[in-house]
Amino acid sequence: MDLYLDFDGVIADTIKVTYKIIRQKGIDLTDKEKVFEFYENLDWEKLLEKTNEINQAFEKIDLLKCSGLYNIYILTTVNSLQEMRAKIDYIRNKNSNVSIICVPRGVEKNKVVNSSGAILVDDFRGNLISWQNNEGISIKFSDEKDDNFITINSLDELIEERILNKIIHQTLKLSI
């Protein structure tokens, strides 16, 4: 089964760090144009140097690979070529055996890869809704339970029986 893992907010805590910088710069998060400009001009190498990995994500990715349950891909939205290069370098330094797929900002992830019957682990609700609406299995990465999605806060939960049972249930619902 194909398993797509979001990068920002699932593997690396870039969201928390960038939101802090945005607030420090006095940018209004509702001003999409200013926010997009911020992300396009951000020095991603420096950002990733001071960003924490979430819950030992790369160790957990290795564990998932060893389970043999999933074909694992990192599916990340990018705002610029510089961001894409920085994320690829960062991921390759941590794990050279995982495929990386970059999605240009403004393009839905399910338009870049086939979501049908595949799993997306993402922290962003909009991506999960779009994925689910296109016959995919959406898993919310969050510390807070979301009644609309299977919710996890560590990637190794994807091999726990309770989560596997929920994934199987979702797969069966899709095939009906």
C-alpha atoms as a PDB file:
ATOM      1  CA  MET A   1       0.000   0.000   0.000  1.00  0.00           C
ATOM      2  CA  ASP A   2       1.308   3.463  -0.868  1.00  0.00           C
ATOM      3  CA  LEU A   3       1.939   5.706   2.133  1.00  0.00           C
ATOM      4  CA  TYR A   4       2.536   9.408   1.570  1.00  0.00           C
ATOM      5  CA  LEU A   5       3.995  11.411   4.446  1.00  0.00           C
ATOM      6  CA  ASP A   6       3.778  15.184   4.564  1.00  0.00           C
ATOM      7  CA  PHE A   7       7.037  16.871   5.567  1.00  0.00           C
ATOM      8  CA  ASP A   8       6.089  20.142   7.268  1.00  0.00           C
ATOM      9  CA  GLY A   9       4.290  19.403  10.527  1.00  0.00           C
ATOM     10  CA  VAL A  10       4.689  15.614  10.267  1.00  0.00           C
ATOM     11  CA  ILE A  11       8.425  15.001   9.867  1.00  0.00           C
ATOM     12  CA  ALA A  12       9.911  18.408  10.697  1.00  0.00           C
ATOM     13  CA  ASP A  13       8.403  21.071  12.935  1.00  0.00           C
ATOM     14  CA  THR A  14       8.814  23.827  10.329  1.00  0.00           C
ATOM     15  CA  ILE A  15       5.275  25.135  10.819  1.00  0.00           C
ATOM     16  CA  LYS A  16       5.883  26.077  14.465  1.00  0.00           C
ATOM     17  CA  VAL A  17       9.203  27.760  13.603  1.00  0.00           C
ATOM     18  CA  THR A  18       7.911  29.679  10.571  1.00  0.00           C
ATOM     19  CA  TYR A  19       4.773  30.864  12.385  1.00  0.00           C
ATOM     20  CA  LYS A  20       6.985  32.258  15.142  1.00  0.00           C
ATOM     21  CA  ILE A  21       9.092  34.142  12.554  1.00  0.00           C
ATOM     22  CA  ILE A  22       5.936  35.375  10.777  1.00  0.00           C
ATOM     23  CA  ARG A  23       4.593  36.764  14.059  1.00  0.00           C
ATOM     24  CA  GLN A  24       7.966  38.407  14.820  1.00  0.00           C
ATOM     25  CA  LYS A  25       7.893  40.097  11.401  1.00  0.00           C
ATOM     26  CA  GLY A  26       4.363  41.340  12.059  1.00  0.00           C
ATOM     27  CA  ILE A  27       2.857  39.491   9.094  1.00  0.00           C
ATOM     28  CA  ASP A  28      -0.857  38.786   9.367  1.00  0.00           C
ATOM     29  CA  LEU A  29      -1.435  35.050   8.780  1.00  0.00           C
ATOM     30  CA  THR A  30      -4.710  35.859   6.998  1.00  0.00           C
ATOM     31  CA  ASP A  31      -2.809  37.953   4.389  1.00  0.00           C
ATOM     32  CA  LYS A  32      -2.154  35.058   1.993  1.00  0.00           C
ATOM     33  CA  GLU A  33      -0.078  37.162  -0.411  1.00  0.00           C
ATOM     34  CA  LYS A  34       2.333  38.308   2.344  1.00  0.00           C
ATOM     35  CA  VAL A  35       2.525  34.791   3.780  1.00  0.00           C
ATOM     36  CA  PHE A  36       3.314  33.270   0.348  1.00  0.00           C
ATOM     37  CA  GLU A  37       5.940  35.980  -0.219  1.00  0.00           C
ATOM     38  CA  PHE A  38       7.471  35.143   3.170  1.00  0.00           C
ATOM     39  CA  TYR A  39       7.727  31.423   2.315  1.00  0.00           C
ATOM     40  CA  GLU A  40       9.131  32.111  -1.170  1.00  0.00           C
ATOM     41  CA  ASN A  41      11.921  34.291   0.254  1.00  0.00           C
ATOM     42  CA  LEU A  42      12.698  32.214   3.325  1.00  0.00           C
ATOM     43  CA  ASP A  43      16.214  30.750   3.712  1.00  0.00           C
ATOM     44  CA  TRP A  44      15.162  27.109   4.016  1.00  0.00           C
ATOM     45  CA  GLU A  45      18.668  25.815   4.786  1.00  0.00           C
ATOM     46  CA  LYS A  46      18.851  28.034   7.874  1.00  0.00           C
ATOM     47  CA  LEU A  47      15.268  27.221   8.818  1.00  0.00           C
ATOM     48  CA  LEU A  48      15.867  23.460   8.658  1.00  0.00           C
ATOM     49  CA  GLU A  49      19.048  23.825  10.742  1.00  0.00           C
ATOM     50  CA  LYS A  50      17.000  25.211  13.635  1.00  0.00           C
ATOM     51  CA  THR A  51      13.931  23.035  13.152  1.00  0.00           C
ATOM     52  CA  ASN A  52      13.346  19.950  15.243  1.00  0.00           C
ATOM     53  CA  GLU A  53      12.473  16.568  13.817  1.00  0.00           C
ATOM     54  CA  ILE A  54       9.083  15.477  15.138  1.00  0.00           C
ATOM     55  CA  ASN A  55       9.020  12.369  17.360  1.00  0.00           C
ATOM     56  CA  GLN A  56      12.138  10.823  15.771  1.00  0.00           C
ATOM     57  CA  ALA A  57      10.360  10.737  12.409  1.00  0.00           C
ATOM     58  CA  PHE A  58      13.235   9.339  10.344  1.00  0.00           C
ATOM     59  CA  GLU A  59      13.799   6.492  12.787  1.00  0.00           C
ATOM     60  CA  LYS A  60      10.063   5.742  12.545  1.00  0.00           C
ATOM     61  CA  ILE A  61      10.195   5.879   8.726  1.00  0.00           C
ATOM     62  CA  ASP A  62      12.937   3.234   8.828  1.00  0.00           C
ATOM     63  CA  LEU A  63      10.743   1.139  11.140  1.00  0.00           C
ATOM     64  CA  LEU A  64       7.808   1.486   8.725  1.00  0.00           C
ATOM     65  CA  LYS A  65      10.017   0.425   5.812  1.00  0.00           C
ATOM     66  CA  CYS A  66      11.178  -2.638   7.744  1.00  0.00           C
ATOM     67  CA  SER A  67       7.550  -3.610   8.411  1.00  0.00           C
ATOM     68  CA  GLY A  68       7.046  -4.239   4.690  1.00  0.00           C
ATOM     69  CA  LEU A  69       3.499  -2.856   4.930  1.00  0.00           C
ATOM     70  CA  TYR A  70       4.010   0.287   2.899  1.00  0.00           C
ATOM     71  CA  ASN A  71       5.653   1.857  -0.127  1.00  0.00           C
ATOM     72  CA  ILE A  72       6.774   5.087   1.553  1.00  0.00           C
ATOM     73  CA  TYR A  73       7.021   8.511  -0.078  1.00  0.00           C
ATOM     74  CA  ILE A  74       7.530  11.971   1.341  1.00  0.00           C
ATOM     75  CA  LEU A  75       5.008  14.253  -0.350  1.00  0.00           C
ATOM     76  CA  THR A  76       5.793  17.889   0.412  1.00  0.00           C
ATOM     77  CA  THR A  77       4.449  21.195  -0.796  1.00  0.00           C
ATOM     78  CA  VAL A  78       7.109  23.695  -1.861  1.00  0.00           C
ATOM     79  CA  ASN A  79       6.925  27.428  -2.494  1.00  0.00           C
ATOM     80  CA  SER A  80      10.245  27.817  -4.325  1.00  0.00           C
ATOM     81  CA  LEU A  81      13.087  25.881  -5.935  1.00  0.00           C
ATOM     82  CA  GLN A  82      15.321  26.902  -3.032  1.00  0.00           C
ATOM     83  CA  GLU A  83      12.863  25.326  -0.595  1.00  0.00           C
ATOM     84  CA  MET A  84      12.730  22.166  -2.706  1.00  0.00           C
ATOM     85  CA  ARG A  85      16.538  21.853  -2.770  1.00  0.00           C
ATOM     86  CA  ALA A  86      16.838  22.482   0.967  1.00  0.00           C
ATOM     87  CA  LYS A  87      14.182  19.910   1.850  1.00  0.00           C
ATOM     88  CA  ILE A  88      15.689  17.294  -0.467  1.00  0.00           C
ATOM     89  CA  ASP A  89      19.176  17.843   1.004  1.00  0.00           C
ATOM     90  CA  TYR A  90      17.799  17.690   4.547  1.00  0.00           C
ATOM     91  CA  ILE A  91      15.862  14.465   3.879  1.00  0.00           C
ATOM     92  CA  ARG A  92      18.791  12.837   2.040  1.00  0.00           C
ATOM     93  CA  ASN A  93      21.082  13.602   4.984  1.00  0.00           C
ATOM     94  CA  LYS A  94      18.631  11.832   7.299  1.00  0.00           C
ATOM     95  CA  ASN A  95      17.379   9.017   5.047  1.00  0.00           C
ATOM     96  CA  SER A  96      18.604   8.319   1.525  1.00  0.00           C
ATOM     97  CA  ASN A  97      16.203   5.434   0.914  1.00  0.00           C
ATOM     98  CA  VAL A  98      12.900   7.293   0.756  1.00  0.00           C
ATOM     99  CA  SER A  99      11.356   8.797  -2.366  1.00  0.00           C
ATOM    100  CA  ILE A 100      10.621  12.523  -2.268  1.00  0.00           C
ATOM    101  CA  ILE A 101       7.833  14.112  -4.285  1.00  0.00           C
ATOM    102  CA  CYS A 102       7.590  17.907  -4.324  1.00  0.00           C
ATOM    103  CA  VAL A 103       4.229  19.526  -4.982  1.00  0.00           C
ATOM    104  CA  PRO A 104       4.135  23.155  -6.159  1.00  0.00           C
ATOM    105  CA  ARG A 105       2.131  25.488  -3.905  1.00  0.00           C
ATOM    106  CA  GLY A 106      -1.432  25.793  -5.171  1.00  0.00           C
ATOM    107  CA  VAL A 107      -1.560  22.242  -6.569  1.00  0.00           C
ATOM    108  CA  GLU A 108      -3.481  19.618  -4.607  1.00  0.00           C
ATOM    109  CA  LYS A 109      -1.395  16.636  -3.579  1.00  0.00           C
ATOM    110  CA  ASN A 110      -3.902  14.199  -5.094  1.00  0.00           C
ATOM    111  CA  LYS A 111      -3.325  15.865  -8.492  1.00  0.00           C
ATOM    112  CA  VAL A 112       0.376  14.956  -8.383  1.00  0.00           C
ATOM    113  CA  VAL A 113       0.047  11.349  -7.221  1.00  0.00           C
ATOM    114  CA  ASN A 114      -2.768   8.810  -7.403  1.00  0.00           C
ATOM    115  CA  SER A 115      -4.616   9.011  -4.100  1.00  0.00           C
ATOM    116  CA  SER A 116      -6.995   6.141  -4.841  1.00  0.00           C
ATOM    117  CA  GLY A 117      -6.539   3.564  -2.082  1.00  0.00           C
ATOM    118  CA  ALA A 118      -3.368   5.288  -0.858  1.00  0.00           C
ATOM    119  CA  ILE A 119      -2.715   6.771   2.579  1.00  0.00           C
ATOM    120  CA  LEU A 120      -1.804  10.389   3.257  1.00  0.00           C
ATOM    121  CA  VAL A 121      -0.494  11.399   6.678  1.00  0.00           C
ATOM    122  CA  ASP A 122      -0.768  15.171   6.943  1.00  0.00           C
ATOM    123  CA  ASP A 123      -1.340  17.813   9.603  1.00  0.00           C
ATOM    124  CA  PHE A 124      -3.309  20.093   7.259  1.00  0.00           C
ATOM    125  CA  ARG A 125      -7.034  19.419   7.165  1.00  0.00           C
ATOM    126  CA  GLY A 126      -7.477  20.837   3.642  1.00  0.00           C
ATOM    127  CA  ASN A 127      -5.062  18.285   2.174  1.00  0.00           C
ATOM    128  CA  LEU A 128      -6.799  15.464   4.049  1.00  0.00           C
ATOM    129  CA  ILE A 129     -10.270  16.443   2.835  1.00  0.00           C
ATOM    130  CA  SER A 130      -9.107  16.669  -0.781  1.00  0.00           C
ATOM    131  CA  TRP A 131      -7.311  13.309  -0.480  1.00  0.00           C
ATOM    132  CA  GLN A 132     -10.359  11.637   1.056  1.00  0.00           C
ATOM    133  CA  ASN A 133     -12.653  13.126  -1.608  1.00  0.00           C
ATOM    134  CA  ASN A 134     -10.453  11.437  -4.200  1.00  0.00           C
ATOM    135  CA  GLU A 135     -10.747   7.909  -2.782  1.00  0.00           C
ATOM    136  CA  GLY A 136      -7.700   8.131  -0.539  1.00  0.00           C
ATOM    137  CA  ILE A 137      -7.266   7.265   3.129  1.00  0.00           C
ATOM    138  CA  SER A 138      -6.541  10.367   5.194  1.00  0.00           C
ATOM    139  CA  ILE A 139      -4.710  10.226   8.511  1.00  0.00           C
ATOM    140  CA  LYS A 140      -4.420  13.374  10.592  1.00  0.00           C
ATOM    141  CA  PHE A 141      -1.081  13.971  12.281  1.00  0.00           C
ATOM    142  CA  SER A 142      -1.914  15.829  15.472  1.00  0.00           C
ATOM    143  CA  ASP A 143      -1.812  15.677  19.236  1.00  0.00           C
ATOM    144  CA  GLU A 144      -5.546  16.393  19.226  1.00  0.00           C
ATOM    145  CA  LYS A 145      -8.139  13.821  18.146  1.00  0.00           C
ATOM    146  CA  ASP A 146     -10.126  14.712  15.018  1.00  0.00           C
ATOM    147  CA  ASP A 147     -13.406  12.804  14.688  1.00  0.00           C
ATOM    148  CA  ASN A 148     -13.296  13.161  10.897  1.00  0.00           C
ATOM    149  CA  PHE A 149     -10.001  11.306  10.458  1.00  0.00           C
ATOM    150  CA  ILE A 150      -7.870   8.558  11.910  1.00  0.00           C
ATOM    151  CA  THR A 151      -5.494  10.564  14.130  1.00  0.00           C
ATOM    152  CA  ILE A 152      -1.892   9.763  15.088  1.00  0.00           C
ATOM    153  CA  ASN A 153       0.953  11.753  16.639  1.00  0.00           C
ATOM    154  CA  SER A 154       3.832   9.387  15.907  1.00  0.00           C
ATOM    155  CA  LEU A 155       4.573   7.593  12.639  1.00  0.00           C
ATOM    156  CA  ASP A 156       5.179   4.239  14.333  1.00  0.00           C
ATOM    157  CA  GLU A 157       1.458   4.143  15.158  1.00  0.00           C
ATOM    158  CA  LEU A 158       0.954   3.150  11.509  1.00  0.00           C
ATOM    159  CA  ILE A 159       2.044  -0.383  12.384  1.00  0.00           C
ATOM    160  CA  GLU A 160      -0.065  -0.692  15.527  1.00  0.00           C
ATOM    161  CA  GLU A 161      -2.983  -3.097  15.274  1.00  0.00           C
ATOM    162  CA  ARG A 162      -5.615  -0.513  16.244  1.00  0.00           C
ATOM    163  CA  ILE A 163      -4.531   1.828  13.436  1.00  0.00           C
ATOM    164  CA  LEU A 164      -4.084  -0.992  10.917  1.00  0.00           C
ATOM    165  CA  ASN A 165      -7.653  -2.105  11.663  1.00  0.00           C
ATOM    166  CA  LYS A 166      -8.916   1.428  10.993  1.00  0.00           C
ATOM    167  CA  ILE A 167      -6.965   1.574   7.725  1.00  0.00           C
ATOM    168  CA  ILE A 168      -8.418  -1.787   6.655  1.00  0.00           C
ATOM    169  CA  HIS A 169     -11.904  -0.512   7.521  1.00  0.00           C
ATOM    170  CA  GLN A 170     -11.331   2.625   5.415  1.00  0.00           C
ATOM    171  CA  THR A 171     -10.007   0.523   2.530  1.00  0.00           C
ATOM    172  CA  LEU A 172     -13.099  -1.683   2.633  1.00  0.00           C
ATOM    173  CA  LYS A 173     -15.370   1.390   2.626  1.00  0.00           C
ATOM    174  CA  LEU A 174     -13.573   2.681  -0.483  1.00  0.00           C
ATOM    175  CA  SER A 175     -14.055  -0.598  -2.346  1.00  0.00           C
ATOM    176  CA  ILE A 176     -17.835  -0.683  -1.815  1.00  0.00           C
END
